[in-house]
N, C-alpha and C. Protein backbone atom coordinates (compact mmCIF):
# COMPACT_ATOMS: atom_id res chain seq x y z
N MET A 1 1.08 -1.08 0.12
CA MET A 1 0.01 -0.10 -0.10
C MET A 1 0.85 1.32 0.07
N ASN A 2 0.51 2.21 -0.73
CA ASN A 2 1.19 3.40 -0.94
C ASN A 2 0.90 4.34 0.28
N LYS A 3 1.71 5.14 0.80
CA LYS A 3 1.47 5.58 1.80
C LYS A 3 0.61 6.98 1.52
N LEU A 4 -0.06 7.43 2.37
CA LEU A 4 -1.33 8.74 2.14
C LEU A 4 -0.19 10.03 2.57
N LYS A 5 -0.90 11.05 2.05
CA LYS A 5 0.07 12.49 2.20
C LYS A 5 -0.65 13.19 3.32
N LEU A 6 0.63 13.58 4.31
CA LEU A 6 0.28 14.46 5.28
C LEU A 6 1.32 15.52 5.20
N PHE A 7 0.43 16.55 5.07
CA PHE A 7 0.89 17.97 4.86
C PHE A 7 1.59 18.47 5.88
N SER A 8 0.99 18.56 6.93
CA SER A 8 1.52 19.62 8.44
C SER A 8 0.98 18.84 9.62
N VAL A 9 2.01 19.21 10.48
CA VAL A 9 1.65 18.56 11.95
C VAL A 9 1.99 19.84 12.86
N GLY A 10 1.38 20.12 13.83
CA GLY A 10 1.71 21.00 14.96
C GLY A 10 1.19 20.94 16.01
N ASN A 11 1.80 21.52 17.21
CA ASN A 11 1.30 20.85 18.46
C ASN A 11 1.56 22.27 19.47
N TRP A 12 0.58 22.32 20.42
CA TRP A 12 0.88 23.23 21.50
C TRP A 12 0.13 22.62 22.89
N LYS A 13 1.00 22.61 23.92
CA LYS A 13 0.41 22.04 24.98
C LYS A 13 -0.35 20.52 24.82
N ASP A 14 -1.79 20.48 25.13
CA ASP A 14 -2.55 19.18 24.88
C ASP A 14 -3.12 19.29 23.55
N PHE A 15 -2.90 19.96 22.59
CA PHE A 15 -3.49 20.19 21.55
C PHE A 15 -2.48 19.83 20.21
N ASN A 16 -3.05 19.19 19.26
CA ASN A 16 -2.24 18.76 17.98
C ASN A 16 -3.08 19.14 16.86
N TYR A 17 -2.36 19.53 15.82
CA TYR A 17 -3.08 19.68 14.56
C TYR A 17 -2.85 18.95 13.36
N TYR A 18 -3.25 18.63 12.49
CA TYR A 18 -3.03 17.84 11.27
C TYR A 18 -3.49 18.24 9.86
N VAL A 19 -3.03 18.12 8.91
CA VAL A 19 -3.36 18.52 7.46
C VAL A 19 -3.39 17.38 6.38
N PHE A 20 -4.39 16.59 6.12
CA PHE A 20 -4.16 15.61 5.39
C PHE A 20 -4.74 15.90 3.83
N GLU A 21 -4.12 14.82 3.06
CA GLU A 21 -4.77 14.87 1.60
C GLU A 21 -6.26 14.58 1.82
N LYS A 22 -7.24 15.05 1.00
CA LYS A 22 -8.69 14.96 0.89
C LYS A 22 -9.15 13.72 0.20
N LYS A 23 -8.81 12.40 0.84
CA LYS A 23 -9.18 11.08 0.13
C LYS A 23 -10.03 10.23 0.90
N ASN A 24 -10.86 9.56 0.50
CA ASN A 24 -11.73 8.66 1.33
C ASN A 24 -10.86 7.87 2.15
N GLU A 25 -9.88 7.37 1.45
CA GLU A 25 -8.93 6.22 2.06
C GLU A 25 -8.24 7.02 3.53
N THR A 26 -8.03 8.31 3.30
CA THR A 26 -7.49 9.06 4.51
C THR A 26 -8.59 8.85 5.87
N ILE A 27 -9.64 9.14 5.44
CA ILE A 27 -10.60 8.87 6.65
C ILE A 27 -10.71 7.55 6.90
N ASP A 28 -10.57 6.50 6.18
CA ASP A 28 -10.74 5.25 6.49
C ASP A 28 -9.45 4.78 7.75
N VAL A 29 -8.42 5.24 7.13
CA VAL A 29 -7.19 4.89 8.07
C VAL A 29 -7.52 5.77 9.44
N LEU A 30 -7.75 7.02 9.30
CA LEU A 30 -8.03 7.85 10.83
C LEU A 30 -9.18 7.24 11.33
N ALA A 31 -10.01 6.85 10.84
CA ALA A 31 -11.33 6.19 11.41
C ALA A 31 -10.71 5.14 12.43
N LYS A 32 -9.85 4.19 12.01
CA LYS A 32 -9.24 2.84 12.66
C LYS A 32 -8.54 3.58 13.74
N LEU A 33 -7.47 4.56 13.50
CA LEU A 33 -6.65 5.08 14.67
C LEU A 33 -7.49 5.85 15.70
N PHE A 34 -8.49 6.50 15.51
CA PHE A 34 -9.18 7.13 16.26
C PHE A 34 -9.87 5.95 17.24
N VAL A 35 -10.29 4.88 16.75
CA VAL A 35 -10.78 3.71 17.49
C VAL A 35 -9.75 3.10 18.42
N ASN A 36 -8.57 2.89 17.75
CA ASN A 36 -7.54 1.91 18.34
C ASN A 36 -6.94 2.77 19.26
N VAL A 37 -6.73 4.30 19.59
CA VAL A 37 -6.03 5.00 20.05
C VAL A 37 -6.65 5.61 21.06
N PHE A 38 -7.82 6.20 20.80
CA PHE A 38 -8.66 7.15 21.34
C PHE A 38 -10.06 6.57 21.98
N GLU A 39 -10.48 5.50 21.16
CA GLU A 39 -11.68 4.76 21.78
C GLU A 39 -12.81 5.46 21.16
N LEU A 40 -12.58 6.51 20.10
CA LEU A 40 -13.60 7.32 19.61
C LEU A 40 -14.04 6.73 18.31
N GLU A 41 -15.42 6.36 17.96
CA GLU A 41 -15.77 5.95 16.84
C GLU A 41 -16.39 6.83 15.97
N MET A 42 -16.06 6.98 14.65
CA MET A 42 -16.17 7.85 13.48
C MET A 42 -17.24 6.93 12.54
N PHE A 43 -18.57 7.82 12.17
CA PHE A 43 -19.45 7.13 11.50
C PHE A 43 -18.97 7.14 9.93
N LEU A 44 -18.88 6.10 9.46
CA LEU A 44 -18.52 6.05 8.08
C LEU A 44 -19.67 5.89 7.25
N TYR A 45 -20.90 5.54 7.57
CA TYR A 45 -21.97 5.11 6.81
C TYR A 45 -23.10 5.96 6.92
N SER A 46 -24.06 6.09 6.18
CA SER A 46 -25.15 6.88 6.18
C SER A 46 -26.34 5.74 6.06
N ASP A 47 -27.34 6.20 7.01
CA ASP A 47 -28.40 5.28 6.97
C ASP A 47 -29.64 6.33 6.44
N CYS A 48 -30.47 5.80 5.42
CA CYS A 48 -31.55 6.76 4.86
C CYS A 48 -32.66 6.04 5.32
N GLU A 49 -33.73 6.57 6.17
CA GLU A 49 -34.51 6.38 6.56
C GLU A 49 -35.89 5.75 5.65
N LYS A 50 -35.74 6.52 4.47
CA LYS A 50 -36.97 6.48 3.69
C LYS A 50 -36.49 5.32 2.70
N THR A 51 -35.29 5.09 2.14
CA THR A 51 -35.15 3.98 1.44
C THR A 51 -34.71 2.68 1.92
N GLY A 52 -34.25 2.89 3.58
CA GLY A 52 -33.53 1.76 4.34
C GLY A 52 -32.15 1.45 3.81
N SER A 53 -31.51 2.14 2.93
CA SER A 53 -30.21 2.16 2.73
C SER A 53 -29.26 2.53 3.59
N HIS A 54 -27.91 1.54 3.41
CA HIS A 54 -26.74 2.01 4.33
C HIS A 54 -25.44 2.09 3.27
N GLU A 55 -25.25 3.26 3.20
CA GLU A 55 -24.31 3.71 2.51
C GLU A 55 -22.97 4.22 2.73
N LYS A 56 -21.80 4.01 2.41
CA LYS A 56 -20.55 4.32 2.60
C LYS A 56 -20.42 6.02 2.33
N ILE A 57 -19.98 6.86 3.24
CA ILE A 57 -20.11 8.17 3.16
C ILE A 57 -19.17 8.61 2.29
N ASN A 58 -19.23 9.21 1.49
CA ASN A 58 -18.27 9.76 0.18
C ASN A 58 -17.48 11.13 1.00
N PHE A 59 -16.47 10.95 1.80
CA PHE A 59 -15.88 12.27 2.33
C PHE A 59 -15.05 13.26 1.37
N GLU A 60 -15.06 12.87 0.15
CA GLU A 60 -14.32 13.62 -0.96
C GLU A 60 -15.41 14.94 -1.30
N ASN A 61 -16.59 14.52 -1.09
CA ASN A 61 -17.62 15.37 -1.18
C ASN A 61 -17.88 16.50 -0.36
N ARG A 62 -17.36 16.11 0.84
CA ARG A 62 -17.68 17.03 1.92
C ARG A 62 -16.89 18.49 1.95
N ILE A 63 -17.56 19.38 1.88
CA ILE A 63 -16.44 20.84 2.00
C ILE A 63 -17.54 21.81 3.05
N ASP A 64 -16.72 22.58 3.69
CA ASP A 64 -17.12 22.91 4.68
C ASP A 64 -17.94 22.31 5.75
N VAL A 65 -17.53 21.35 6.23
CA VAL A 65 -18.34 20.60 7.04
C VAL A 65 -17.34 20.35 8.49
N HIS A 66 -17.92 20.21 9.68
CA HIS A 66 -17.23 19.69 10.54
C HIS A 66 -17.85 18.72 11.36
N GLU A 67 -17.35 17.80 11.79
CA GLU A 67 -17.74 16.68 12.99
C GLU A 67 -16.68 16.66 14.00
N GLY A 68 -17.04 16.06 14.95
CA GLY A 68 -16.28 16.00 16.36
C GLY A 68 -16.79 14.67 17.03
N MET A 69 -15.70 14.18 17.86
CA MET A 69 -15.95 13.14 18.50
C MET A 69 -15.29 13.38 20.15
N VAL A 70 -16.13 12.97 20.97
CA VAL A 70 -15.48 13.41 22.25
C VAL A 70 -15.91 12.40 23.35
N ASP A 71 -14.88 12.06 24.45
CA ASP A 71 -15.15 11.40 25.44
C ASP A 71 -14.66 12.23 26.76
N ASP A 72 -14.40 11.37 27.89
CA ASP A 72 -13.72 12.09 29.02
C ASP A 72 -12.31 12.35 29.02
N ASP A 73 -11.49 11.86 28.01
CA ASP A 73 -10.02 12.26 28.06
C ASP A 73 -9.59 12.83 26.48
N SER A 74 -10.42 12.77 25.58
CA SER A 74 -10.21 12.99 24.14
C SER A 74 -11.26 13.90 23.68
N ARG A 75 -10.83 14.73 22.58
CA ARG A 75 -11.56 15.28 21.66
C ARG A 75 -11.12 15.26 20.44
N VAL A 76 -11.51 15.10 19.49
CA VAL A 76 -11.14 15.25 17.72
C VAL A 76 -12.01 15.80 17.02
N ASP A 77 -11.76 16.75 16.52
CA ASP A 77 -12.27 17.70 15.38
C ASP A 77 -11.76 17.70 14.14
N ILE A 78 -12.87 17.16 13.08
CA ILE A 78 -12.36 17.09 11.72
C ILE A 78 -13.08 18.04 10.96
N PHE A 79 -12.14 18.69 9.83
CA PHE A 79 -12.97 20.08 9.36
C PHE A 79 -12.31 19.40 7.76
N TYR A 80 -13.52 19.63 6.89
CA TYR A 80 -13.33 19.37 5.46
C TYR A 80 -13.30 20.80 4.57
N SER A 81 -12.27 20.75 3.90
CA SER A 81 -12.01 21.97 2.75
C SER A 81 -12.43 21.52 1.61
N ASP A 82 -12.12 22.26 0.54
CA ASP A 82 -12.24 21.70 -1.03
C ASP A 82 -11.51 20.75 -1.21
N LYS A 83 -9.83 20.89 -0.60
CA LYS A 83 -8.81 19.99 -1.13
C LYS A 83 -8.25 19.37 0.07
N LYS A 84 -8.28 19.92 1.27
CA LYS A 84 -7.76 18.84 2.55
C LYS A 84 -8.52 18.58 3.34
N ILE A 85 -8.13 17.95 4.56
CA ILE A 85 -8.73 17.44 5.87
C ILE A 85 -7.84 18.10 7.11
N PHE A 86 -8.42 18.74 7.83
CA PHE A 86 -7.96 19.23 8.86
C PHE A 86 -8.38 18.72 10.01
N VAL A 87 -7.46 18.35 10.84
CA VAL A 87 -7.65 17.52 12.08
C VAL A 87 -7.23 18.10 13.41
N THR A 88 -8.13 18.31 14.45
CA THR A 88 -7.50 18.72 15.68
C THR A 88 -7.64 17.65 16.81
N ILE A 89 -6.70 17.48 17.64
CA ILE A 89 -6.96 16.61 18.61
C ILE A 89 -6.48 17.39 20.15
N ASN A 90 -7.52 16.99 21.13
CA ASN A 90 -6.76 17.40 22.38
C ASN A 90 -6.95 16.37 23.24
N CYS A 91 -5.76 16.00 23.90
CA CYS A 91 -5.79 14.75 24.74
C CYS A 91 -4.62 14.80 25.60
N PRO A 92 -4.36 13.94 26.29
CA PRO A 92 -3.00 13.70 27.36
C PRO A 92 -1.99 13.55 26.13
N GLU A 93 -0.49 13.70 26.33
CA GLU A 93 0.46 13.59 25.69
C GLU A 93 0.68 12.00 25.28
N LYS A 94 0.27 11.34 26.16
CA LYS A 94 0.80 9.80 26.04
C LYS A 94 -0.46 9.32 24.90
N LEU A 95 -1.32 9.78 24.71
CA LEU A 95 -2.36 9.31 23.69
C LEU A 95 -1.98 9.86 22.43
N ARG A 96 -1.27 11.21 22.51
CA ARG A 96 -0.93 11.90 21.31
C ARG A 96 0.32 11.51 20.50
N LEU A 97 1.20 10.93 21.52
CA LEU A 97 2.27 10.30 21.25
C LEU A 97 2.11 8.85 20.49
N GLU A 98 1.31 8.34 20.93
CA GLU A 98 0.84 6.92 20.21
C GLU A 98 0.20 7.21 18.82
N PHE A 99 -0.43 8.18 18.96
CA PHE A 99 -1.45 8.32 17.36
C PHE A 99 -0.22 8.88 16.45
N ASN A 100 0.54 9.81 16.76
CA ASN A 100 1.72 10.12 15.95
C ASN A 100 2.53 9.08 15.53
N GLN A 101 2.84 7.93 16.68
CA GLN A 101 3.65 6.81 15.85
C GLN A 101 2.83 6.02 14.96
N LYS A 102 1.40 5.82 15.00
CA LYS A 102 0.78 5.05 14.40
C LYS A 102 0.50 5.79 13.13
N LEU A 103 0.62 7.29 12.82
CA LEU A 103 0.27 7.87 11.72
C LEU A 103 1.71 7.42 10.76
N GLY A 104 2.83 7.31 11.28
CA GLY A 104 3.73 6.67 10.45
C GLY A 104 3.67 5.66 9.72
N GLU A 105 2.81 4.73 10.05
CA GLU A 105 2.76 3.55 9.21
C GLU A 105 1.87 3.76 8.12
N PHE A 106 1.08 4.89 7.82
CA PHE A 106 0.13 5.08 6.75
C PHE A 106 0.41 6.24 6.07
N PHE A 107 1.00 7.40 6.58
CA PHE A 107 1.08 8.84 6.12
C PHE A 107 2.56 9.13 6.04
N GLU A 108 2.62 9.95 4.70
CA GLU A 108 4.23 10.27 4.80
C GLU A 108 3.97 11.86 4.42
N MET A 109 5.12 12.43 4.86
CA MET A 109 5.20 13.85 5.05
C MET A 109 6.67 14.29 4.11
N ASP A 110 6.33 15.19 3.04
CA ASP A 110 7.35 15.69 2.19
C ASP A 110 8.36 16.42 3.37
N GLU A 111 9.76 16.43 2.93
CA GLU A 111 10.53 17.37 3.50
C GLU A 111 10.48 18.86 3.54
N PRO A 112 10.53 19.77 4.52
CA PRO A 112 10.00 21.06 4.38
C PRO A 112 11.15 21.71 3.27
N SER A 113 10.56 22.26 2.49
CA SER A 113 11.38 23.29 1.61
C SER A 113 11.94 24.58 2.35
N GLU A 114 13.20 25.16 1.88
CA GLU A 114 13.44 26.34 2.31
C GLU A 114 12.84 27.29 1.89
N VAL A 115 12.43 28.23 2.87
CA VAL A 115 11.95 29.69 2.42
C VAL A 115 12.94 30.54 2.42
N LYS A 116 12.97 31.13 1.16
CA LYS A 116 14.07 32.24 0.66
C LYS A 116 13.71 33.65 0.87
N ASP A 117 14.53 34.32 1.54
CA ASP A 117 14.38 35.78 1.88
C ASP A 117 14.48 36.48 0.45
N GLU A 118 13.76 37.63 0.39
CA GLU A 118 13.70 38.24 -0.70
C GLU A 118 14.47 39.41 -0.58
C-alpha cells in the first residue's frame, strides 16, 4: 500500500493539529486510528430512513463541514475543505504520542522546503 499524504503537523500543550490530503482512504485509516488510540468511533456510513439504505459516505464530497468526537479524555475535530482535511486532537500527551507513532505507518510527509528571503 502506498502511504497517504500528511501535509502538516503542529502541537501546543495538549493540542495537536494535522493537515491531510482529502481522500476517502485518509478517512478510512484515521477512523481506525481514532478507535484504536482514543476509543472514539467515527461514522463512515449513512442510513437513509426513506429507502432503508446503508451507504458508505463519500468524504471527498464534504466541503465546509465539521464533525467531532469526544469522550472524557479526548476530543477529535475534523474539518473538510475543498482539497484538504484538517484534524485537531485534544488529549493527554501519551495518547498523542501513540497516535503520531501509528500515523507514520500509513502517512508520509514531504521534507519542508527552504524559504528564501527576498
